[in-house]
Amino acid sequence: MFKTKDSIAKSIKTTLLELLPIGETGRKIVGKLLEPENLKRIAIVGVVGSVVVGLISRFLRNSMLRMEIRGELKKQLEPVYEKLEELEEQNAELLRQNEALQGSLEELASV
């Protein structure tokens, strides 16, 4: 009913050896890899590999989302930046007019 670690390893080993078209050397390598004491290592490598792939996937997804958000914000803030430039130009013009008026006022005061 319940399979032991050895029987699981043997069944995996025989299935792989039947399915894979490999030579005698390949069969020896597969046989050594799938011994019960190596199954734990193989499982750990598989789990670590899947965790790493998951983390990379998550990182890439977050990066793509950030890029999308950045593009959307840039698009939405474009009119605000245009208005800001317009106001800065108006401010500079008003400062020039103010300086001109100050100069005129000083001339009138000195007369």
C-alpha atoms as a PDB file:
ATOM      1  CA  MET A   1       0.000   0.000   0.000  1.00  0.00           C
ATOM      2  CA  PHE A   2       2.624   2.571   1.082  1.00  0.00           C
ATOM      3  CA  LYS A   3       5.770   2.588  -0.962  1.00  0.00           C
ATOM      4  CA  THR A   4       9.116   2.937   0.657  1.00  0.00           C
ATOM      5  CA  LYS A   5      11.801   5.293  -0.500  1.00  0.00           C
ATOM      6  CA  ASP A   6      13.670   2.418  -2.110  1.00  0.00           C
ATOM      7  CA  SER A   7      10.666   1.174  -4.076  1.00  0.00           C
ATOM      8  CA  ILE A   8       9.867   4.688  -5.289  1.00  0.00           C
ATOM      9  CA  ALA A   9      13.458   5.155  -6.422  1.00  0.00           C
ATOM     10  CA  LYS A  10      13.433   1.810  -8.201  1.00  0.00           C
ATOM     11  CA  SER A  11      10.181   2.523 -10.009  1.00  0.00           C
ATOM     12  CA  ILE A  12      11.386   5.960 -11.140  1.00  0.00           C
ATOM     13  CA  LYS A  13      14.706   4.479 -12.187  1.00  0.00           C
ATOM     14  CA  THR A  14      13.169   1.679 -14.252  1.00  0.00           C
ATOM     15  CA  THR A  15      10.647   4.029 -15.872  1.00  0.00           C
ATOM     16  CA  LEU A  16      13.338   6.508 -16.862  1.00  0.00           C
ATOM     17  CA  LEU A  17      15.656   3.820 -18.145  1.00  0.00           C
ATOM     18  CA  GLU A  18      12.846   2.423 -20.271  1.00  0.00           C
ATOM     19  CA  LEU A  19      11.796   5.796 -21.674  1.00  0.00           C
ATOM     20  CA  LEU A  20      15.154   7.462 -22.289  1.00  0.00           C
ATOM     21  CA  PRO A  21      17.075   6.442 -25.392  1.00  0.00           C
ATOM     22  CA  ILE A  22      20.506   6.459 -23.762  1.00  0.00           C
ATOM     23  CA  GLY A  23      23.492   4.197 -23.956  1.00  0.00           C
ATOM     24  CA  GLU A  24      25.042   2.042 -21.278  1.00  0.00           C
ATOM     25  CA  THR A  25      27.034   4.935 -19.786  1.00  0.00           C
ATOM     26  CA  GLY A  26      23.883   7.028 -19.568  1.00  0.00           C
ATOM     27  CA  ARG A  27      22.066   4.171 -17.869  1.00  0.00           C
ATOM     28  CA  LYS A  28      24.826   3.932 -15.251  1.00  0.00           C
ATOM     29  CA  ILE A  29      24.666   7.680 -14.605  1.00  0.00           C
ATOM     30  CA  VAL A  30      20.876   7.644 -14.288  1.00  0.00           C
ATOM     31  CA  GLY A  31      21.116   4.597 -12.051  1.00  0.00           C
ATOM     32  CA  LYS A  32      23.587   6.333  -9.716  1.00  0.00           C
ATOM     33  CA  LEU A  33      21.583   9.553  -9.638  1.00  0.00           C
ATOM     34  CA  LEU A  34      18.353   7.810  -8.742  1.00  0.00           C
ATOM     35  CA  GLU A  35      19.649   5.805  -5.823  1.00  0.00           C
ATOM     36  CA  PRO A  36      17.576   6.465  -2.712  1.00  0.00           C
ATOM     37  CA  GLU A  37      20.264   8.525  -0.963  1.00  0.00           C
ATOM     38  CA  ASN A  38      20.515  10.842  -3.983  1.00  0.00           C
ATOM     39  CA  LEU A  39      16.759  11.396  -4.346  1.00  0.00           C
ATOM     40  CA  LYS A  40      16.740  13.793  -1.416  1.00  0.00           C
ATOM     41  CA  ARG A  41      19.457  15.895  -3.041  1.00  0.00           C
ATOM     42  CA  ILE A  42      17.630  15.870  -6.363  1.00  0.00           C
ATOM     43  CA  ALA A  43      14.411  16.957  -4.636  1.00  0.00           C
ATOM     44  CA  ILE A  44      16.217  19.793  -2.838  1.00  0.00           C
ATOM     45  CA  VAL A  45      17.780  20.986  -6.094  1.00  0.00           C
ATOM     46  CA  GLY A  46      14.368  20.886  -7.749  1.00  0.00           C
ATOM     47  CA  VAL A  47      12.723  22.865  -4.967  1.00  0.00           C
ATOM     48  CA  VAL A  48      15.513  25.444  -4.855  1.00  0.00           C
ATOM     49  CA  GLY A  49      15.384  25.761  -8.637  1.00  0.00           C
ATOM     50  CA  SER A  50      11.644  26.336  -8.629  1.00  0.00           C
ATOM     51  CA  VAL A  51      11.963  28.933  -5.847  1.00  0.00           C
ATOM     52  CA  VAL A  52      14.654  30.788  -7.793  1.00  0.00           C
ATOM     53  CA  VAL A  53      12.574  30.733 -10.973  1.00  0.00           C
ATOM     54  CA  GLY A  54       9.577  31.995  -8.991  1.00  0.00           C
ATOM     55  CA  LEU A  55      11.592  34.855  -7.498  1.00  0.00           C
ATOM     56  CA  ILE A  56      12.958  35.857 -10.890  1.00  0.00           C
ATOM     57  CA  SER A  57       9.456  35.752 -12.335  1.00  0.00           C
ATOM     58  CA  ARG A  58       8.133  37.925  -9.508  1.00  0.00           C
ATOM     59  CA  PHE A  59      11.000  40.409  -9.930  1.00  0.00           C
ATOM     60  CA  LEU A  60      10.394  40.693 -13.668  1.00  0.00           C
ATOM     61  CA  ARG A  61       6.662  41.114 -13.153  1.00  0.00           C
ATOM     62  CA  ASN A  62       7.232  43.878 -10.601  1.00  0.00           C
ATOM     63  CA  SER A  63       9.726  45.569 -12.935  1.00  0.00           C
ATOM     64  CA  MET A  64       7.232  45.504 -15.779  1.00  0.00           C
ATOM     65  CA  LEU A  65       4.497  46.907 -13.534  1.00  0.00           C
ATOM     66  CA  ARG A  66       6.800  49.716 -12.412  1.00  0.00           C
ATOM     67  CA  MET A  67       7.621  50.544 -16.028  1.00  0.00           C
ATOM     68  CA  GLU A  68       3.919  50.628 -16.911  1.00  0.00           C
ATOM     69  CA  ILE A  69       3.134  52.852 -13.925  1.00  0.00           C
ATOM     70  CA  ARG A  70       6.054  55.154 -14.761  1.00  0.00           C
ATOM     71  CA  GLY A  71       4.814  55.506 -18.343  1.00  0.00           C
ATOM     72  CA  GLU A  72       1.249  56.160 -17.219  1.00  0.00           C
ATOM     73  CA  LEU A  73       2.352  58.791 -14.702  1.00  0.00           C
ATOM     74  CA  LYS A  74       4.528  60.479 -17.299  1.00  0.00           C
ATOM     75  CA  LYS A  75       1.571  60.618 -19.665  1.00  0.00           C
ATOM     76  CA  GLN A  76      -0.723  62.030 -16.962  1.00  0.00           C
ATOM     77  CA  LEU A  77       1.812  64.578 -15.692  1.00  0.00           C
ATOM     78  CA  GLU A  78       2.693  65.925 -19.147  1.00  0.00           C
ATOM     79  CA  PRO A  79      -0.045  68.628 -19.086  1.00  0.00           C
ATOM     80  CA  VAL A  80       1.005  69.612 -15.564  1.00  0.00           C
ATOM     81  CA  TYR A  81       4.630  70.079 -16.668  1.00  0.00           C
ATOM     82  CA  GLU A  82       3.501  72.114 -19.686  1.00  0.00           C
ATOM     83  CA  LYS A  83       1.426  74.375 -17.422  1.00  0.00           C
ATOM     84  CA  LEU A  84       4.377  74.707 -15.039  1.00  0.00           C
ATOM     85  CA  GLU A  85       6.651  75.815 -17.899  1.00  0.00           C
ATOM     86  CA  GLU A  86       4.026  78.321 -19.003  1.00  0.00           C
ATOM     87  CA  LEU A  87       3.755  79.720 -15.462  1.00  0.00           C
ATOM     88  CA  GLU A  88       7.552  79.946 -15.159  1.00  0.00           C
ATOM     89  CA  GLU A  89       7.677  81.926 -18.423  1.00  0.00           C
ATOM     90  CA  GLN A  90       4.915  84.237 -17.167  1.00  0.00           C
ATOM     91  CA  ASN A  91       6.784  84.647 -13.879  1.00  0.00           C
ATOM     92  CA  ALA A  92      10.007  85.564 -15.699  1.00  0.00           C
ATOM     93  CA  GLU A  93       8.115  88.095 -17.845  1.00  0.00           C
ATOM     94  CA  LEU A  94       6.473  89.630 -14.781  1.00  0.00           C
ATOM     95  CA  LEU A  95       9.869  89.880 -13.064  1.00  0.00           C
ATOM     96  CA  ARG A  96      11.270  91.719 -16.113  1.00  0.00           C
ATOM     97  CA  GLN A  97       8.286  94.091 -16.099  1.00  0.00           C
ATOM     98  CA  ASN A  98       8.731  94.623 -12.355  1.00  0.00           C
ATOM     99  CA  GLU A  99      12.407  95.497 -12.813  1.00  0.00           C
ATOM    100  CA  ALA A 100      11.511  97.898 -15.628  1.00  0.00           C
ATOM    101  CA  LEU A 101       8.884  99.561 -13.438  1.00  0.00           C
ATOM    102  CA  GLN A 102      11.363  99.788 -10.549  1.00  0.00           C
ATOM    103  CA  GLY A 103      13.830 101.499 -12.865  1.00  0.00           C
ATOM    104  CA  SER A 104      11.163 103.927 -14.055  1.00  0.00           C
ATOM    105  CA  LEU A 105      10.119 104.618 -10.474  1.00  0.00           C
ATOM    106  CA  GLU A 106      13.713 105.362  -9.463  1.00  0.00           C
ATOM    107  CA  GLU A 107      14.069 107.758 -12.407  1.00  0.00           C
ATOM    108  CA  LEU A 108      10.899 109.564 -11.366  1.00  0.00           C
ATOM    109  CA  ALA A 109      12.037 109.699  -7.754  1.00  0.00           C
ATOM    110  CA  SER A 110      15.367 111.227  -8.731  1.00  0.00           C
ATOM    111  CA  VAL A 111      13.747 114.022 -10.802  1.00  0.00           C
END
